[in-house]
N, C-alpha and C. Protein backbone atom coordinates (compact mmCIF):
# COMPACT_ATOMS: atom_id res chain seq x y z
N MET A 1 180.27 135.70 137.21
CA MET A 1 181.69 135.38 137.21
C MET A 1 182.49 136.58 136.71
N MET A 2 183.56 136.89 137.40
CA MET A 2 184.35 138.07 137.10
C MET A 2 184.96 138.02 135.70
N HIS A 3 185.41 136.84 135.27
CA HIS A 3 186.01 136.71 133.94
C HIS A 3 185.04 137.16 132.85
N GLN A 4 183.80 136.68 132.93
CA GLN A 4 182.81 137.01 131.91
C GLN A 4 182.50 138.50 131.92
N THR A 5 182.43 139.09 133.10
CA THR A 5 182.16 140.52 133.20
C THR A 5 183.29 141.32 132.55
N ILE A 6 184.54 140.92 132.79
CA ILE A 6 185.69 141.58 132.17
C ILE A 6 185.60 141.46 130.65
N MET A 7 185.26 140.28 130.16
CA MET A 7 185.12 140.07 128.71
C MET A 7 184.02 140.96 128.13
N ASN A 8 182.92 141.07 128.85
CA ASN A 8 181.83 141.93 128.40
C ASN A 8 182.26 143.39 128.36
N LEU A 9 182.98 143.83 129.39
CA LEU A 9 183.45 145.22 129.44
C LEU A 9 184.43 145.51 128.30
N LEU A 10 185.33 144.58 128.03
CA LEU A 10 186.27 144.76 126.92
C LEU A 10 185.53 144.92 125.60
N SER A 11 184.53 144.10 125.38
CA SER A 11 183.74 144.18 124.14
C SER A 11 183.02 145.51 124.03
N GLU A 12 182.45 145.97 125.17
CA GLU A 12 181.75 147.26 125.17
C GLU A 12 182.71 148.40 124.85
N VAL A 13 183.85 148.42 125.54
CA VAL A 13 184.81 149.52 125.36
C VAL A 13 185.36 149.54 123.92
N LYS A 14 185.58 148.37 123.35
CA LYS A 14 186.06 148.28 121.97
C LYS A 14 184.95 148.60 120.97
N GLY A 15 183.70 148.57 121.43
CA GLY A 15 182.58 148.81 120.52
C GLY A 15 182.41 147.67 119.53
N THR A 16 182.80 146.47 119.95
CA THR A 16 182.76 145.29 119.09
C THR A 16 182.06 144.16 119.85
N PRO A 17 180.72 144.09 119.77
CA PRO A 17 179.99 143.08 120.55
C PRO A 17 180.44 141.64 120.27
N GLU A 18 180.83 141.34 119.03
CA GLU A 18 181.22 139.96 118.70
C GLU A 18 182.56 139.57 119.33
N LEU A 19 183.33 140.55 119.81
CA LEU A 19 184.63 140.27 120.44
C LEU A 19 184.47 139.35 121.65
N VAL A 20 183.37 139.48 122.36
CA VAL A 20 183.16 138.69 123.58
C VAL A 20 183.26 137.19 123.29
N HIS A 21 182.90 136.76 122.09
CA HIS A 21 182.93 135.35 121.74
C HIS A 21 184.34 134.86 121.38
N GLN A 22 185.27 135.80 121.17
CA GLN A 22 186.64 135.44 120.81
C GLN A 22 187.58 135.45 122.02
N LEU A 23 187.12 136.00 123.13
CA LEU A 23 187.97 136.14 124.31
C LEU A 23 187.97 134.88 125.16
N THR A 24 189.12 134.60 125.76
CA THR A 24 189.26 133.49 126.71
C THR A 24 190.00 134.03 127.93
N PRO A 25 190.03 133.28 129.03
CA PRO A 25 190.79 133.74 130.19
C PRO A 25 192.28 133.97 129.90
N GLU A 26 192.80 133.36 128.85
CA GLU A 26 194.21 133.51 128.51
C GLU A 26 194.47 134.66 127.52
N THR A 27 193.42 135.32 127.05
CA THR A 27 193.58 136.39 126.07
C THR A 27 194.47 137.51 126.62
N ASP A 28 195.48 137.90 125.84
CA ASP A 28 196.37 139.01 126.17
C ASP A 28 195.60 140.31 125.89
N MET A 29 195.31 141.05 126.94
CA MET A 29 194.46 142.23 126.80
C MET A 29 195.16 143.38 126.08
N ILE A 30 196.47 143.36 126.05
CA ILE A 30 197.20 144.43 125.35
C ILE A 30 197.41 144.06 123.89
N ASN A 31 198.02 142.91 123.64
CA ASN A 31 198.40 142.54 122.28
C ASN A 31 197.28 141.95 121.44
N GLU A 32 196.34 141.25 122.08
CA GLU A 32 195.27 140.62 121.31
C GLU A 32 194.02 141.49 121.20
N VAL A 33 193.67 142.19 122.28
CA VAL A 33 192.48 143.04 122.26
C VAL A 33 192.82 144.39 121.64
N GLY A 34 194.01 144.92 121.92
CA GLY A 34 194.47 146.15 121.29
C GLY A 34 193.74 147.40 121.72
N LEU A 35 193.60 147.59 123.02
CA LEU A 35 192.97 148.82 123.51
C LEU A 35 193.91 150.00 123.28
N ASP A 36 193.37 151.10 122.75
CA ASP A 36 194.19 152.31 122.67
C ASP A 36 194.14 152.99 124.04
N SER A 37 194.87 154.08 124.20
CA SER A 37 194.98 154.70 125.53
C SER A 37 193.63 155.17 126.07
N LEU A 38 192.79 155.75 125.24
CA LEU A 38 191.47 156.20 125.70
C LEU A 38 190.59 155.01 126.06
N GLN A 39 190.63 153.96 125.26
CA GLN A 39 189.85 152.76 125.57
C GLN A 39 190.34 152.13 126.87
N MET A 40 191.65 152.16 127.10
CA MET A 40 192.20 151.60 128.33
C MET A 40 191.67 152.35 129.55
N ILE A 41 191.67 153.67 129.47
CA ILE A 41 191.15 154.49 130.58
C ILE A 41 189.67 154.17 130.80
N ASN A 42 188.90 154.12 129.72
CA ASN A 42 187.48 153.82 129.84
C ASN A 42 187.24 152.42 130.42
N PHE A 43 188.08 151.47 130.02
CA PHE A 43 187.97 150.11 130.53
C PHE A 43 188.24 150.08 132.04
N ILE A 44 189.33 150.72 132.47
CA ILE A 44 189.68 150.72 133.90
C ILE A 44 188.58 151.41 134.71
N LEU A 45 188.07 152.53 134.22
CA LEU A 45 186.98 153.22 134.92
C LEU A 45 185.73 152.35 135.00
N ALA A 46 185.42 151.64 133.92
CA ALA A 46 184.26 150.74 133.92
C ALA A 46 184.45 149.60 134.91
N VAL A 47 185.67 149.08 135.00
CA VAL A 47 185.97 148.01 135.96
C VAL A 47 185.78 148.52 137.38
N GLU A 48 186.31 149.72 137.67
CA GLU A 48 186.16 150.29 139.01
C GLU A 48 184.69 150.47 139.37
N THR A 49 183.91 150.97 138.44
CA THR A 49 182.48 151.19 138.68
C THR A 49 181.74 149.87 138.84
N THR A 50 181.99 148.95 137.94
CA THR A 50 181.28 147.67 137.95
C THR A 50 181.53 146.87 139.22
N PHE A 51 182.79 146.84 139.66
CA PHE A 51 183.15 146.04 140.83
C PHE A 51 183.24 146.86 142.11
N ASP A 52 182.89 148.14 142.03
CA ASP A 52 182.90 149.04 143.17
C ASP A 52 184.22 148.96 143.94
N LEU A 53 185.30 149.23 143.20
CA LEU A 53 186.62 149.26 143.84
C LEU A 53 187.47 150.36 143.25
N GLN A 54 188.52 150.68 143.95
CA GLN A 54 189.45 151.73 143.55
C GLN A 54 190.79 151.10 143.25
N ILE A 55 191.25 151.26 142.01
CA ILE A 55 192.55 150.71 141.63
C ILE A 55 193.63 151.72 141.98
N ASP A 56 194.61 151.26 142.75
CA ASP A 56 195.75 152.09 143.12
C ASP A 56 196.76 152.02 141.97
N TYR A 57 196.92 153.13 141.27
CA TYR A 57 197.78 153.12 140.08
C TYR A 57 199.26 153.00 140.43
N GLU A 58 199.60 153.16 141.70
CA GLU A 58 200.97 152.91 142.14
C GLU A 58 201.27 151.41 142.10
N GLU A 59 200.23 150.60 142.33
CA GLU A 59 200.40 149.15 142.36
C GLU A 59 200.07 148.50 141.02
N PHE A 60 199.41 149.24 140.14
CA PHE A 60 199.00 148.69 138.85
C PHE A 60 200.20 148.61 137.92
N ASP A 61 200.30 147.51 137.21
CA ASP A 61 201.39 147.29 136.28
C ASP A 61 200.79 146.76 134.98
N MET A 62 201.38 147.13 133.85
CA MET A 62 200.86 146.66 132.56
C MET A 62 200.91 145.13 132.48
N ALA A 63 201.75 144.50 133.27
CA ALA A 63 201.81 143.03 133.29
C ALA A 63 200.48 142.43 133.74
N HIS A 64 199.71 143.20 134.50
CA HIS A 64 198.40 142.71 134.94
C HIS A 64 197.46 142.53 133.75
N LEU A 65 197.79 143.11 132.62
CA LEU A 65 196.94 143.02 131.44
C LEU A 65 197.43 141.95 130.46
N SER A 66 198.40 141.15 130.89
CA SER A 66 198.94 140.13 129.98
C SER A 66 197.94 139.02 129.70
N SER A 67 196.94 138.89 130.56
CA SER A 67 195.83 137.98 130.28
C SER A 67 194.65 138.40 131.15
N ILE A 68 193.48 137.94 130.76
CA ILE A 68 192.29 138.22 131.57
C ILE A 68 192.45 137.57 132.94
N ASN A 69 193.03 136.37 132.99
CA ASN A 69 193.29 135.71 134.28
C ASN A 69 194.17 136.57 135.18
N GLN A 70 195.26 137.12 134.62
CA GLN A 70 196.16 137.98 135.41
C GLN A 70 195.41 139.19 135.97
N PHE A 71 194.57 139.79 135.13
CA PHE A 71 193.84 140.98 135.55
C PHE A 71 192.83 140.63 136.64
N VAL A 72 192.15 139.51 136.51
CA VAL A 72 191.20 139.07 137.54
C VAL A 72 191.93 138.81 138.85
N ASP A 73 193.10 138.18 138.79
CA ASP A 73 193.90 137.96 140.00
C ASP A 73 194.26 139.30 140.66
N PHE A 74 194.64 140.27 139.83
CA PHE A 74 194.96 141.60 140.34
C PHE A 74 193.74 142.22 141.02
N LEU A 75 192.58 142.11 140.39
CA LEU A 75 191.35 142.67 140.98
C LEU A 75 191.01 142.00 142.31
N HIS A 76 191.23 140.70 142.39
CA HIS A 76 190.99 140.00 143.66
C HIS A 76 191.92 140.54 144.75
N SER A 77 193.17 140.82 144.41
CA SER A 77 194.10 141.37 145.41
C SER A 77 193.68 142.77 145.83
N VAL A 78 193.16 143.56 144.88
CA VAL A 78 192.66 144.91 145.20
C VAL A 78 191.49 144.80 146.17
N LYS A 79 190.58 143.88 145.89
CA LYS A 79 189.40 143.69 146.76
C LYS A 79 189.83 143.23 148.16
N GLU A 80 190.80 142.33 148.22
CA GLU A 80 191.27 141.84 149.52
C GLU A 80 191.88 142.98 150.34
N LYS A 81 192.70 143.81 149.71
CA LYS A 81 193.32 144.92 150.42
C LYS A 81 192.28 145.92 150.90
N ALA A 82 191.27 146.16 150.07
CA ALA A 82 190.21 147.10 150.45
C ALA A 82 189.42 146.57 151.63
N GLY A 83 189.24 145.26 151.66
CA GLY A 83 188.49 144.64 152.76
C GLY A 83 189.25 144.64 154.07
N SER A 84 190.58 144.72 153.99
CA SER A 84 191.40 144.66 155.20
C SER A 84 191.69 146.02 155.80
N LEU A 85 191.22 147.07 155.13
CA LEU A 85 191.49 148.43 155.66
C LEU A 85 190.50 148.81 156.71
C-alpha cells in the first residue's frame, strides 16, 4: 500500500524508526513531521526511486504535503500522466 510505503520513507529520512507508528493518512507532512530542506529533498528522491516515477516540480506544490493522503493523491496523478504519455 502506497500510504504505508510513504510512512516508512518518512521515518527513514527522519532517522526516527518509531515515527512510523505515529503517522496516519491525515498526518501533515510539513507541520507534524517537520522535514528540513535536506530531508525533504531526500524524501522526494526516495519517493521517485521507490515508485519509479519522475515528479515534475512545475506541478508540485507544498499543499501536496498537507497530509499523506494529499501526497498519495498527487503521486497517483503523476503516475496517471506518465502512463498516458
